[in-house]
Amino acid sequence: TAAKCPTKTALIFQDERFTYGELNARVNRLARALMAAGVRKGDKVAFLFMNSPEFVVAWLAVAKAGAVGVPLNYGLVPRELKYQIGQADAVAIVFSPLFMERIAAIRDDLPQVRTYLCNGENGTLDFETLPAGYPPDEPEVDVSLYDANLILYTAGTMGVPKGAVLTHRNSLFNAFTCCLDYRFTCDDVLQIVPPLFHAAAVNCMLLPGLVLGCTIAIHLRFDPEDMLRTIQQEAVTVTWGPAILWRTLLACPDFAKYDVRSVRLLGNGGMAMAGEMREKLLAHFPRAAMMDIYGMTELSPAATLLRPEAALAKPLSVGTPMTLTDVRILNWRGREAAVGEVGEIAVRGNALDGYYKMPEETEQAVKGGFFRTGDLGKRDEEGFITLVDRKRDVITTGGEQVYSREVEEVLQANPRIKESAVIGVADEKWGERVVAIVSLRQETTPEALLAWCRENLAAYKCPRQIHIVNDIPRNAAGKVVKGELRKRFG
C-alpha cells in the first residue's frame, strides 16, 4: 500500500497524521532495530500500548521482522501480564512509558525477556531514538502466509488464559473477507475506538483498512464528544463498537450539534442490540446502514454477519456466514441440527493454528476441520443464526470476555474466603455484569473483597457485586449449582 499511495494519509491520531510512506518507513526502521537487538524469525515479542500510532508501528514491525506479536491488554495488572508474557515465551517487550511501573514490577520474574524497548529509562532502549539509526528499507526476512503472526490471549476452559496462535494467512484471510462483506473501498475513512489489542479491532478494521489504503482515525479511548468531533472533521464513513459504546454515544447531550451524515456504515459487535435501540441509532445517523459481527479470537475473529438488509428485521440474530466461511449447528450427536434445533456452533474456514503450548486444548477445540465455539445457537428457515446460550461459562461484559473460573481463583486466594462462585447477570448497560457469591472463613466485607479483586484483576474482570452467604449450593456430585445462584441473584 505504501508503494501504491505513499502520500495518502494512513493514520490520524489526535493532532498527528501519518502518510502511508511515513508509516512504512517507521515500521521498517523499528523492524530492523528489533532484529539488531537479537529478535529472530519466530521469536515472540510482546507489546503494550494504548490505542496509538505506536501500537500500529510495533504490530507491523514485529511482523516484518518475522517475529510473532503478542499484543497485551492494557487493563491487565502485573500478575496477569507476567503470566501472558511468560507463557508466550516473549524475548522482547515493546511498551509505552505509561506502563513502566507495571513492567518493572514483574521484570525479575521474566528471565527469558532479553530486550525492553520503551523510553530509554530504567534499563530500557528508546522506542523513538533507537529505530532512527536504521534505514527505512524493507527488512530482508522471508515471511510466509503460514508463519505465526499473532498470539492473542482468550479465556481458558480451566480459568487459565489461552494463547490463540493466528498465522498471517488467518489475519489476511479475515481482512479480505471483511473488505468484501463490509464493502470497504479505498475512499473509506475508518474510525477505530475499541482497543486495538482485540482481534476484532486489529483484524476486522485496522488491517482491512491498511490493505485497501483507507484513511484510519484511531482514538486513544472512548470519549463521546471526541468521537463525534472526529466523525465531523474527518468525514468518517465507517465506525464500529459494542452496544455499550452506542448507548453511551446516543446519550451525549451535544450529539445534535455534530454533522454525522458522512457515516455510511455502523458496526456492532460483542453485545446484542435490541431493535428499538437500532432504530434510534439509525435515526441519529440518517445516511448509515447497520451490521453486526459475531465471532471470537480463535476465528481470527469473524464468523457471521448480520447484514444491513436484515439488521432491523432480525435484531437478535447474529446473521449468516461471512464469505468463504462455513458455519454449522451441530447437535449432541455431532450431526447437523435441524432448523430450529439448538446445537453447538462450529466454524470452518479461518480457525486458529492452535493454542500455544496447549495441544490437548487445541485437539478438543478443532474436530474434523471445524472449530467448536462452545456457543449454542439455532438456525431459522432463512439460514439466520441466533445465539441461545454459551456452553462455556464465559461472561461477556461491555464487549470484554471474563472467565468465571479465573475470578473465582483470585477470590479463593483470599484467606478469609471459604468458597466462591462467579456468575454473569443480565445488565442493560453492560450486557452482563460479573457477580460473585462467597462464603467466609473469617469475617470481612464486600468492599474489602472488591479491593482484593482490584489488586489482582483487570478492572473489567472485577465483580460489580459480591454477596456473602452461609453456604454455596452444590448438587449430588459436589458441583456448584450456578443456575440456582442466577435465579437468586440475577
Protein backbone atom coordinates (compact mmCIF):
# COMPACT_ATOMS: atom_id res chain seq x y z
CA THR A 1 0.00 0.00 0.00
CA ALA A 2 2.89 2.37 0.78
CA ALA A 3 4.24 1.87 -2.74
CA LYS A 4 0.79 2.45 -4.27
CA CYS A 5 -0.15 5.60 -2.35
CA PRO A 6 2.85 6.87 -0.33
CA THR A 7 1.47 10.39 0.19
CA LYS A 8 -2.04 9.41 1.22
CA THR A 9 -2.94 9.81 4.90
CA ALA A 10 -2.87 6.40 6.57
CA LEU A 11 -3.40 7.25 10.24
CA ILE A 12 -4.99 10.11 12.13
CA PHE A 13 -4.41 10.29 15.87
CA GLN A 14 -5.33 13.40 17.81
CA ASP A 15 -3.30 16.18 16.11
CA GLU A 16 -0.93 13.77 14.33
CA ARG A 17 -1.14 12.49 10.77
CA PHE A 18 0.97 9.85 9.08
CA THR A 19 1.09 9.11 5.38
CA TYR A 20 1.49 5.54 4.17
CA GLY A 21 5.08 6.34 3.19
CA GLU A 22 5.88 7.75 6.63
CA LEU A 23 4.21 4.86 8.42
CA ASN A 24 6.06 2.25 6.37
CA ALA A 25 9.41 3.95 7.00
CA ARG A 26 8.80 3.97 10.78
CA VAL A 27 7.76 0.33 10.71
CA ASN A 28 10.82 -0.76 8.69
CA ARG A 29 13.21 1.11 10.97
CA LEU A 30 11.74 -0.46 14.09
CA ALA A 31 11.78 -3.92 12.49
CA ARG A 32 15.48 -3.50 11.74
CA ALA A 33 16.14 -2.21 15.27
CA LEU A 34 14.43 -5.27 16.77
CA MET A 35 16.45 -7.57 14.55
CA ALA A 36 19.68 -5.81 15.54
CA ALA A 37 18.68 -6.27 19.19
CA GLY A 38 18.57 -10.02 18.65
CA VAL A 39 14.97 -10.72 17.67
CA ARG A 40 14.90 -13.60 15.20
CA LYS A 41 12.23 -15.10 12.98
CA GLY A 42 9.70 -16.95 15.10
CA ASP A 43 10.62 -15.17 18.34
CA LYS A 44 7.74 -13.83 20.41
CA VAL A 45 7.58 -10.08 21.02
CA ALA A 46 5.02 -8.65 23.43
CA PHE A 47 3.79 -5.07 23.10
CA LEU A 48 1.75 -2.94 25.46
CA PHE A 49 0.26 0.36 24.29
CA MET A 50 -2.96 2.29 24.49
CA ASN A 51 -4.58 2.87 21.08
CA SER A 52 -1.95 4.93 19.29
CA PRO A 53 0.30 5.07 16.21
CA GLU A 54 2.96 3.36 18.37
CA PHE A 55 0.72 0.30 18.68
CA VAL A 56 0.36 0.15 14.89
CA VAL A 57 4.09 0.60 14.31
CA ALA A 58 5.01 -2.08 16.86
CA TRP A 59 2.44 -4.54 15.49
CA LEU A 60 3.62 -4.18 11.89
CA ALA A 61 7.34 -4.03 12.74
CA VAL A 62 7.21 -7.28 14.72
CA ALA A 63 5.52 -8.95 11.74
CA LYS A 64 8.06 -7.58 9.25
CA ALA A 65 10.89 -8.86 11.45
CA GLY A 66 9.37 -12.33 11.10
CA ALA A 67 8.56 -12.45 14.80
CA VAL A 68 5.25 -13.27 16.45
CA GLY A 69 3.38 -10.38 18.06
CA VAL A 70 1.79 -10.71 21.49
CA PRO A 71 -0.47 -7.66 21.98
CA LEU A 72 -1.27 -7.20 25.67
CA ASN A 73 -4.47 -5.88 27.19
CA TYR A 74 -3.57 -2.56 28.84
CA GLY A 75 -6.14 -3.21 31.55
CA LEU A 76 -4.19 -6.15 32.97
CA VAL A 77 -2.47 -5.96 36.34
CA PRO A 78 1.17 -7.12 36.78
CA ARG A 79 0.18 -10.67 37.82
CA GLU A 80 -1.83 -11.14 34.61
CA LEU A 81 0.84 -9.55 32.41
CA LYS A 82 3.52 -11.81 33.90
CA TYR A 83 1.52 -14.91 33.05
CA GLN A 84 0.87 -13.95 29.41
CA ILE A 85 4.40 -12.69 28.69
CA GLY A 86 5.90 -15.78 30.31
CA GLN A 87 3.51 -18.29 28.77
CA ALA A 88 4.17 -16.82 25.32
CA ASP A 89 7.96 -17.14 25.79
CA ALA A 90 8.38 -13.50 24.75
CA VAL A 91 12.04 -12.48 24.33
CA ALA A 92 11.28 -8.77 23.97
CA ILE A 93 8.69 -6.30 25.25
CA VAL A 94 7.87 -3.02 23.49
CA PHE A 95 5.77 -0.76 25.67
CA SER A 96 4.59 2.75 26.48
CA PRO A 97 6.09 4.69 29.41
CA LEU A 98 2.55 4.68 30.83
CA PHE A 99 3.15 1.05 31.80
CA MET A 100 6.72 1.34 33.11
CA GLU A 101 5.64 0.69 36.70
CA ARG A 102 3.71 -2.47 35.80
CA ILE A 103 6.55 -3.92 33.73
CA ALA A 104 9.14 -3.00 36.36
CA ALA A 105 7.11 -4.89 38.96
CA ILE A 106 7.45 -8.20 37.05
CA ARG A 107 10.80 -7.76 35.31
CA ASP A 108 12.69 -10.03 37.74
CA ASP A 109 10.14 -12.79 37.06
CA LEU A 110 10.71 -12.75 33.28
CA PRO A 111 14.20 -14.25 32.78
CA GLN A 112 13.52 -15.10 29.13
CA VAL A 113 12.99 -11.44 28.15
CA ARG A 114 16.22 -10.03 26.73
CA THR A 115 15.06 -6.70 25.35
CA TYR A 116 12.89 -3.95 26.82
CA LEU A 117 12.02 -1.13 24.44
CA CYS A 118 10.34 1.94 25.94
CA ASN A 119 11.83 5.40 26.62
CA GLY A 120 15.48 4.69 27.38
CA GLU A 121 14.96 4.86 31.14
CA ASN A 122 15.18 2.14 33.81
CA GLY A 123 17.29 -0.13 31.66
CA THR A 124 15.11 0.09 28.55
CA LEU A 125 16.04 1.01 24.99
CA ASP A 126 14.39 4.08 23.46
CA PHE A 127 11.44 3.37 21.17
CA GLU A 128 11.88 6.69 19.35
CA THR A 129 15.65 7.19 19.01
CA LEU A 130 16.86 3.61 18.52
CA PRO A 131 14.98 2.95 15.23
CA ALA A 132 16.13 6.32 13.84
CA GLY A 133 19.60 4.84 13.41
CA TYR A 134 18.40 2.26 10.91
CA PRO A 135 17.44 2.64 7.23
CA PRO A 136 13.78 2.70 6.11
CA ASP A 137 14.29 -0.12 3.58
CA GLU A 138 12.23 -3.28 3.77
CA PRO A 139 13.77 -5.88 6.14
CA GLU A 140 15.16 -8.92 4.36
CA VAL A 141 13.14 -11.60 6.12
CA ASP A 142 11.32 -14.43 4.38
CA VAL A 143 7.83 -14.49 5.93
CA SER A 144 5.20 -16.89 4.58
CA LEU A 145 1.42 -16.90 4.87
CA TYR A 146 1.56 -19.91 7.16
CA ASP A 147 4.04 -18.45 9.63
CA ALA A 148 2.64 -17.43 13.01
CA ASN A 149 1.65 -13.77 13.12
CA LEU A 150 -0.02 -13.17 16.49
CA ILE A 151 -0.69 -14.84 19.83
CA LEU A 152 -3.90 -13.41 21.24
CA TYR A 153 -4.98 -14.40 24.72
CA THR A 154 -8.52 -15.51 25.36
CA ALA A 155 -10.43 -17.13 28.23
CA GLY A 156 -9.38 -20.72 29.03
CA THR A 157 -11.57 -23.71 29.84
CA MET A 158 -9.81 -24.12 33.19
CA GLY A 159 -9.72 -20.42 34.02
CA VAL A 160 -6.23 -20.01 32.55
CA PRO A 161 -5.94 -17.65 29.54
CA LYS A 162 -5.05 -19.47 26.33
CA GLY A 163 -2.85 -18.04 23.60
CA ALA A 164 -4.60 -18.40 20.25
CA VAL A 165 -1.97 -18.58 17.50
CA LEU A 166 -3.04 -16.83 14.30
CA THR A 167 -0.98 -17.10 11.14
CA HIS A 168 -0.51 -14.37 8.55
CA ARG A 169 -2.99 -16.30 6.45
CA ASN A 170 -5.55 -16.09 9.27
CA SER A 171 -5.18 -12.33 9.57
CA LEU A 172 -5.14 -11.60 5.84
CA PHE A 173 -7.96 -14.03 5.02
CA ASN A 174 -10.09 -12.32 7.68
CA ALA A 175 -9.14 -8.88 6.34
CA PHE A 176 -10.07 -9.78 2.76
CA THR A 177 -13.38 -11.28 3.93
CA CYS A 178 -14.18 -8.08 5.82
CA CYS A 179 -13.28 -5.96 2.78
CA LEU A 180 -15.76 -7.97 0.72
CA ASP A 181 -18.60 -8.20 3.22
CA TYR A 182 -18.30 -4.66 4.61
CA ARG A 183 -17.90 -3.37 1.05
CA PHE A 184 -14.90 -1.26 2.01
CA THR A 185 -13.25 0.89 -0.64
CA CYS A 186 -10.01 2.85 -0.63
CA ASP A 187 -12.08 6.04 -0.27
CA ASP A 188 -13.46 5.00 3.13
CA VAL A 189 -12.40 6.78 6.30
CA LEU A 190 -12.48 4.25 9.13
CA GLN A 191 -12.82 5.10 12.81
CA ILE A 192 -11.40 2.79 15.49
CA VAL A 193 -12.42 3.45 19.08
CA PRO A 194 -12.35 -0.01 20.78
CA PRO A 195 -8.96 -1.34 21.99
CA LEU A 196 -6.59 -2.42 19.24
CA PHE A 197 -5.35 -5.40 21.27
CA HIS A 198 -8.64 -7.13 20.43
CA ALA A 199 -8.75 -9.29 17.31
CA ALA A 200 -11.87 -7.52 16.06
CA ALA A 201 -10.27 -4.07 16.07
CA VAL A 202 -6.95 -5.11 14.56
CA ASN A 203 -8.11 -7.76 12.06
CA CYS A 204 -11.59 -6.51 11.13
CA MET A 205 -10.89 -2.76 10.92
CA LEU A 206 -7.20 -1.81 11.06
CA LEU A 207 -5.75 -4.47 8.76
CA PRO A 208 -8.53 -4.29 6.12
CA GLY A 209 -8.15 -0.52 6.08
CA LEU A 210 -4.38 -0.67 5.60
CA VAL A 211 -4.66 -3.34 2.90
CA LEU A 212 -7.07 -1.19 0.87
CA GLY A 213 -5.33 2.13 1.52
CA CYS A 214 -8.09 3.70 3.60
CA THR A 215 -7.56 6.58 6.00
CA ILE A 216 -7.92 5.38 9.59
CA ALA A 217 -8.73 7.57 12.59
CA ILE A 218 -7.61 5.97 15.85
CA HIS A 219 -8.86 7.09 19.27
CA LEU A 220 -6.86 6.78 22.49
CA ARG A 221 -10.03 5.80 24.32
CA PHE A 222 -13.77 6.23 24.05
CA ASP A 223 -14.95 9.80 24.54
CA PRO A 224 -18.37 10.59 23.01
CA GLU A 225 -17.62 14.20 22.06
CA ASP A 226 -14.20 13.32 20.66
CA MET A 227 -15.73 10.51 18.60
CA LEU A 228 -18.44 12.79 17.19
CA ARG A 229 -15.99 15.62 16.56
CA THR A 230 -13.73 13.28 14.58
CA ILE A 231 -16.64 11.99 12.51
CA GLN A 232 -17.47 15.56 11.52
CA GLN A 233 -13.92 16.81 10.96
CA GLU A 234 -12.60 13.78 9.05
CA ALA A 235 -15.83 12.79 7.27
CA VAL A 236 -15.70 9.28 8.75
CA THR A 237 -17.62 6.74 6.66
CA VAL A 238 -17.36 3.56 8.78
CA THR A 239 -17.33 3.28 12.55
CA TRP A 240 -17.73 0.33 14.88
CA GLY A 241 -18.08 -0.68 18.55
CA PRO A 242 -20.07 -2.72 21.09
CA ALA A 243 -23.63 -1.84 22.06
CA ILE A 244 -22.50 -0.09 25.24
CA LEU A 245 -20.50 2.38 23.14
CA TRP A 246 -23.54 3.21 21.01
CA ARG A 247 -25.79 3.53 24.03
CA THR A 248 -23.38 5.99 25.66
CA LEU A 249 -22.91 7.91 22.42
CA LEU A 250 -26.66 8.36 21.98
CA ALA A 251 -26.84 9.77 25.49
CA CYS A 252 -24.35 12.54 24.61
CA PRO A 253 -26.26 15.80 25.25
CA ASP A 254 -24.50 17.63 22.40
CA PHE A 255 -24.96 14.91 19.75
CA ALA A 256 -27.18 17.13 17.59
CA LYS A 257 -24.53 19.79 17.09
CA TYR A 258 -22.29 17.42 15.12
CA ASP A 259 -22.70 16.56 11.45
CA VAL A 260 -22.56 12.76 11.11
CA ARG A 261 -24.04 12.47 7.63
CA SER A 262 -20.74 11.15 6.23
CA VAL A 263 -21.20 7.81 8.04
CA ARG A 264 -22.45 5.08 5.69
CA LEU A 265 -21.92 2.04 7.93
CA LEU A 266 -22.28 1.41 11.68
CA GLY A 267 -20.89 -1.81 13.14
CA ASN A 268 -21.98 -3.56 16.33
CA GLY A 269 -20.06 -6.42 17.89
CA GLY A 270 -19.60 -8.26 21.15
CA MET A 271 -23.06 -7.47 22.55
CA ALA A 272 -26.62 -7.93 21.33
CA MET A 273 -28.65 -4.85 20.47
CA ALA A 274 -32.44 -4.63 20.65
CA GLY A 275 -34.48 -3.45 17.68
CA GLU A 276 -35.64 -0.28 19.45
CA MET A 277 -32.08 0.84 20.05
CA ARG A 278 -31.13 0.06 16.45
CA GLU A 279 -33.93 2.29 15.20
CA LYS A 280 -32.82 5.10 17.48
CA LEU A 281 -29.20 4.75 16.38
CA LEU A 282 -30.09 4.79 12.68
CA ALA A 283 -32.28 7.85 13.24
CA HIS A 284 -29.25 9.68 14.63
CA PHE A 285 -27.11 8.57 11.65
CA PRO A 286 -29.55 9.33 8.80
CA ARG A 287 -27.36 8.08 5.93
CA ALA A 288 -25.98 4.97 7.63
CA ALA A 289 -26.78 1.28 7.42
CA MET A 290 -26.02 -1.12 10.23
CA MET A 291 -24.33 -4.51 10.55
CA ASP A 292 -23.48 -6.91 13.39
CA ILE A 293 -20.49 -9.22 13.53
CA TYR A 294 -20.19 -12.45 15.51
CA GLY A 295 -17.00 -14.34 16.08
CA MET A 296 -14.22 -14.95 18.56
CA THR A 297 -10.47 -14.58 18.80
CA GLU A 298 -9.88 -18.17 17.68
CA LEU A 299 -11.69 -17.47 14.39
CA SER A 300 -9.43 -14.53 13.51
CA PRO A 301 -12.18 -13.40 14.58
CA ALA A 302 -15.12 -13.01 12.14
CA ALA A 303 -17.60 -15.84 11.53
CA THR A 304 -21.06 -14.43 10.78
CA LEU A 305 -22.51 -11.10 9.76
CA LEU A 306 -25.96 -9.65 10.23
CA ARG A 307 -26.02 -7.62 7.05
CA PRO A 308 -27.71 -4.20 6.79
CA GLU A 309 -30.78 -5.51 4.96
CA ALA A 310 -31.64 -7.74 7.95
CA ALA A 311 -30.42 -5.57 10.84
CA LEU A 312 -33.91 -4.33 11.76
CA ALA A 313 -35.90 -7.37 10.68
CA LYS A 314 -33.81 -9.83 12.75
CA PRO A 315 -32.21 -7.76 15.51
CA LEU A 316 -31.46 -10.69 17.83
CA SER A 317 -29.76 -12.78 15.14
CA VAL A 318 -26.01 -12.88 14.52
CA GLY A 319 -26.73 -13.24 10.82
CA THR A 320 -25.38 -15.65 8.22
CA PRO A 321 -21.86 -16.93 7.49
CA MET A 322 -19.34 -14.47 6.15
CA THR A 323 -17.88 -15.01 2.69
CA LEU A 324 -15.80 -18.21 2.40
CA THR A 325 -16.82 -19.28 5.91
CA ASP A 326 -18.72 -22.49 6.69
CA VAL A 327 -20.85 -22.34 9.85
CA ARG A 328 -22.81 -25.33 11.12
CA ILE A 329 -25.05 -26.04 14.10
CA LEU A 330 -24.15 -29.47 15.50
CA ASN A 331 -26.49 -31.44 17.75
CA TRP A 332 -25.34 -33.65 20.63
CA ARG A 333 -24.58 -36.45 18.17
CA GLY A 334 -22.21 -34.18 16.25
CA ARG A 335 -24.56 -34.05 13.26
CA GLU A 336 -26.11 -31.07 11.53
CA ALA A 337 -29.02 -29.82 13.63
CA ALA A 338 -32.47 -29.41 12.12
CA VAL A 339 -33.97 -25.97 11.55
CA GLY A 340 -34.86 -24.52 14.93
CA GLU A 341 -32.93 -27.18 16.84
CA VAL A 342 -30.36 -25.91 19.35
CA GLY A 343 -26.79 -27.12 18.91
CA GLU A 344 -23.19 -26.04 19.19
CA ILE A 345 -21.93 -23.51 16.64
CA ALA A 346 -18.97 -24.91 14.69
CA VAL A 347 -16.97 -22.90 12.16
CA ARG A 348 -14.63 -23.89 9.34
CA GLY A 349 -12.62 -21.57 7.13
CA ASN A 350 -10.26 -19.46 9.19
CA ALA A 351 -9.72 -21.00 12.61
CA LEU A 352 -6.60 -20.59 14.71
CA ASP A 353 -3.42 -22.57 14.11
CA GLY A 354 -3.69 -23.85 17.69
CA TYR A 355 -3.41 -22.79 21.31
CA TYR A 356 0.21 -22.02 22.14
CA LYS A 357 1.77 -24.89 24.10
CA MET A 358 -1.68 -26.38 24.75
CA PRO A 359 -2.04 -29.37 22.38
CA GLU A 360 -4.85 -31.02 24.35
CA GLU A 361 -6.97 -27.86 24.32
CA THR A 362 -6.30 -27.48 20.58
CA GLU A 363 -7.39 -31.06 19.91
CA GLN A 364 -10.58 -30.55 21.89
CA ALA A 365 -11.42 -27.32 20.08
CA VAL A 366 -10.82 -28.36 16.46
CA LYS A 367 -12.53 -31.53 15.24
CA GLY A 368 -12.99 -32.57 11.64
CA GLY A 369 -11.72 -29.23 10.45
CA PHE A 370 -14.37 -27.32 12.42
CA PHE A 371 -13.65 -25.11 15.41
CA ARG A 372 -16.13 -25.86 18.17
CA THR A 373 -17.05 -22.45 19.56
CA GLY A 374 -18.74 -23.62 22.75
CA ASP A 375 -21.65 -21.31 21.89
CA LEU A 376 -25.13 -22.75 21.48
CA GLY A 377 -27.33 -21.48 18.67
CA LYS A 378 -30.06 -22.35 16.22
CA ARG A 379 -30.74 -21.61 12.57
CA ASP A 380 -34.07 -20.46 11.14
CA GLU A 381 -35.67 -21.30 7.78
CA GLU A 382 -33.80 -18.46 6.05
CA GLY A 383 -30.41 -19.55 7.39
CA PHE A 384 -30.09 -16.86 10.05
CA ILE A 385 -28.34 -17.95 13.25
CA THR A 386 -29.42 -16.89 16.73
CA LEU A 387 -27.29 -17.37 19.85
CA VAL A 388 -29.14 -19.24 22.58
CA ASP A 389 -26.56 -19.62 25.34
CA ARG A 390 -22.88 -20.17 25.95
CA LYS A 391 -21.76 -23.72 26.51
CA ARG A 392 -18.66 -22.40 28.19
CA ASP A 393 -19.01 -20.42 31.35
CA VAL A 394 -17.79 -17.13 29.94
CA ILE A 395 -19.25 -13.77 30.94
CA THR A 396 -19.40 -11.07 28.27
CA THR A 397 -19.43 -7.64 29.90
CA GLY A 398 -19.07 -4.43 27.92
CA GLY A 399 -17.73 -6.39 24.95
CA GLU A 400 -14.97 -7.98 27.09
CA GLN A 401 -14.87 -11.68 27.97
CA VAL A 402 -14.41 -12.72 31.59
CA TYR A 403 -13.97 -16.35 32.57
CA SER A 404 -15.62 -17.01 35.91
CA ARG A 405 -13.02 -19.59 36.96
CA GLU A 406 -10.23 -17.01 36.83
CA VAL A 407 -12.16 -14.61 39.09
CA GLU A 408 -13.02 -17.50 41.44
CA GLU A 409 -9.35 -18.44 41.74
CA VAL A 410 -8.44 -14.88 42.73
CA LEU A 411 -11.20 -14.87 45.34
CA GLN A 412 -10.14 -18.27 46.67
CA ALA A 413 -6.62 -16.92 47.22
CA ASN A 414 -8.05 -14.58 49.86
CA PRO A 415 -7.57 -16.31 53.23
CA ARG A 416 -10.92 -15.01 54.52
CA ILE A 417 -12.92 -16.78 51.81
CA LYS A 418 -14.10 -20.36 52.19
CA GLU A 419 -15.86 -20.85 48.83
CA SER A 420 -16.69 -18.69 45.85
CA ALA A 421 -18.82 -18.82 42.73
CA VAL A 422 -18.90 -16.23 39.94
CA ILE A 423 -21.82 -15.76 37.55
CA GLY A 424 -22.90 -13.40 34.82
CA VAL A 425 -26.10 -11.47 35.41
CA ALA A 426 -28.02 -9.66 32.67
CA ASP A 427 -27.31 -5.94 32.66
CA GLU A 428 -28.96 -3.32 30.43
CA LYS A 429 -25.80 -1.22 30.13
CA TRP A 430 -23.02 -3.84 30.03
CA GLY A 431 -24.82 -6.82 28.53
CA GLU A 432 -23.78 -8.84 31.58
CA ARG A 433 -22.16 -7.88 34.86
CA VAL A 434 -19.83 -10.01 36.94
CA VAL A 435 -21.36 -11.07 40.27
CA ALA A 436 -19.56 -13.08 42.97
CA ILE A 437 -21.13 -15.17 45.72
CA VAL A 438 -18.84 -16.16 48.59
CA SER A 439 -18.94 -17.97 51.93
CA LEU A 440 -16.40 -16.95 54.57
CA ARG A 441 -13.78 -18.47 56.85
CA GLN A 442 -13.21 -15.16 58.63
CA GLU A 443 -15.29 -12.03 58.85
CA THR A 444 -14.81 -9.44 56.12
CA THR A 445 -16.88 -7.08 53.97
CA PRO A 446 -17.84 -6.97 50.27
CA GLU A 447 -15.89 -3.71 49.99
CA ALA A 448 -12.70 -5.35 51.27
CA LEU A 449 -13.12 -8.25 48.88
CA LEU A 450 -13.68 -5.86 45.96
CA ALA A 451 -10.43 -4.10 46.88
CA TRP A 452 -8.69 -7.51 46.83
CA CYS A 453 -10.06 -8.18 43.35
CA ARG A 454 -8.93 -4.78 42.05
CA GLU A 455 -5.38 -5.57 43.17
CA ASN A 456 -5.33 -8.87 41.31
CA LEU A 457 -7.60 -8.48 38.29
CA ALA A 458 -8.15 -6.10 35.42
CA ALA A 459 -10.97 -3.68 36.22
CA TYR A 460 -13.39 -5.24 33.73
CA LYS A 461 -12.97 -8.66 35.39
CA CYS A 462 -13.77 -7.43 38.89
CA PRO A 463 -17.20 -8.27 40.32
CA ARG A 464 -19.64 -5.41 40.37
CA GLN A 465 -21.38 -7.06 43.31
CA ILE A 466 -20.23 -9.52 45.96
CA HIS A 467 -22.86 -11.38 48.00
CA ILE A 468 -21.89 -13.12 51.24
CA VAL A 469 -23.84 -16.31 52.03
CA ASN A 470 -23.60 -19.08 54.58
CA ASP A 471 -23.22 -21.87 52.03
CA ILE A 472 -22.91 -22.11 48.25
CA PRO A 473 -25.41 -24.65 46.78
CA ARG A 474 -23.98 -27.84 45.31
CA ASN A 475 -25.55 -30.84 43.62
CA ALA A 476 -25.10 -34.51 44.49
CA ALA A 477 -21.87 -34.62 42.51
CA GLY A 478 -20.49 -31.75 44.58
CA LYS A 479 -20.65 -29.23 41.73
CA VAL A 480 -21.82 -25.68 42.30
CA VAL A 481 -25.38 -25.16 41.08
CA LYS A 482 -24.92 -21.88 39.23
CA GLY A 483 -28.45 -21.99 37.85
CA GLU A 484 -29.79 -21.64 41.38
CA LEU A 485 -27.42 -18.75 42.05
CA ARG A 486 -28.57 -16.98 38.88
CA LYS A 487 -32.20 -17.30 39.95
CA ARG A 488 -31.41 -15.91 43.37
CA PHE A 489 -29.01 -13.12 42.46
CA GLY A 490 -29.85 -12.44 38.82
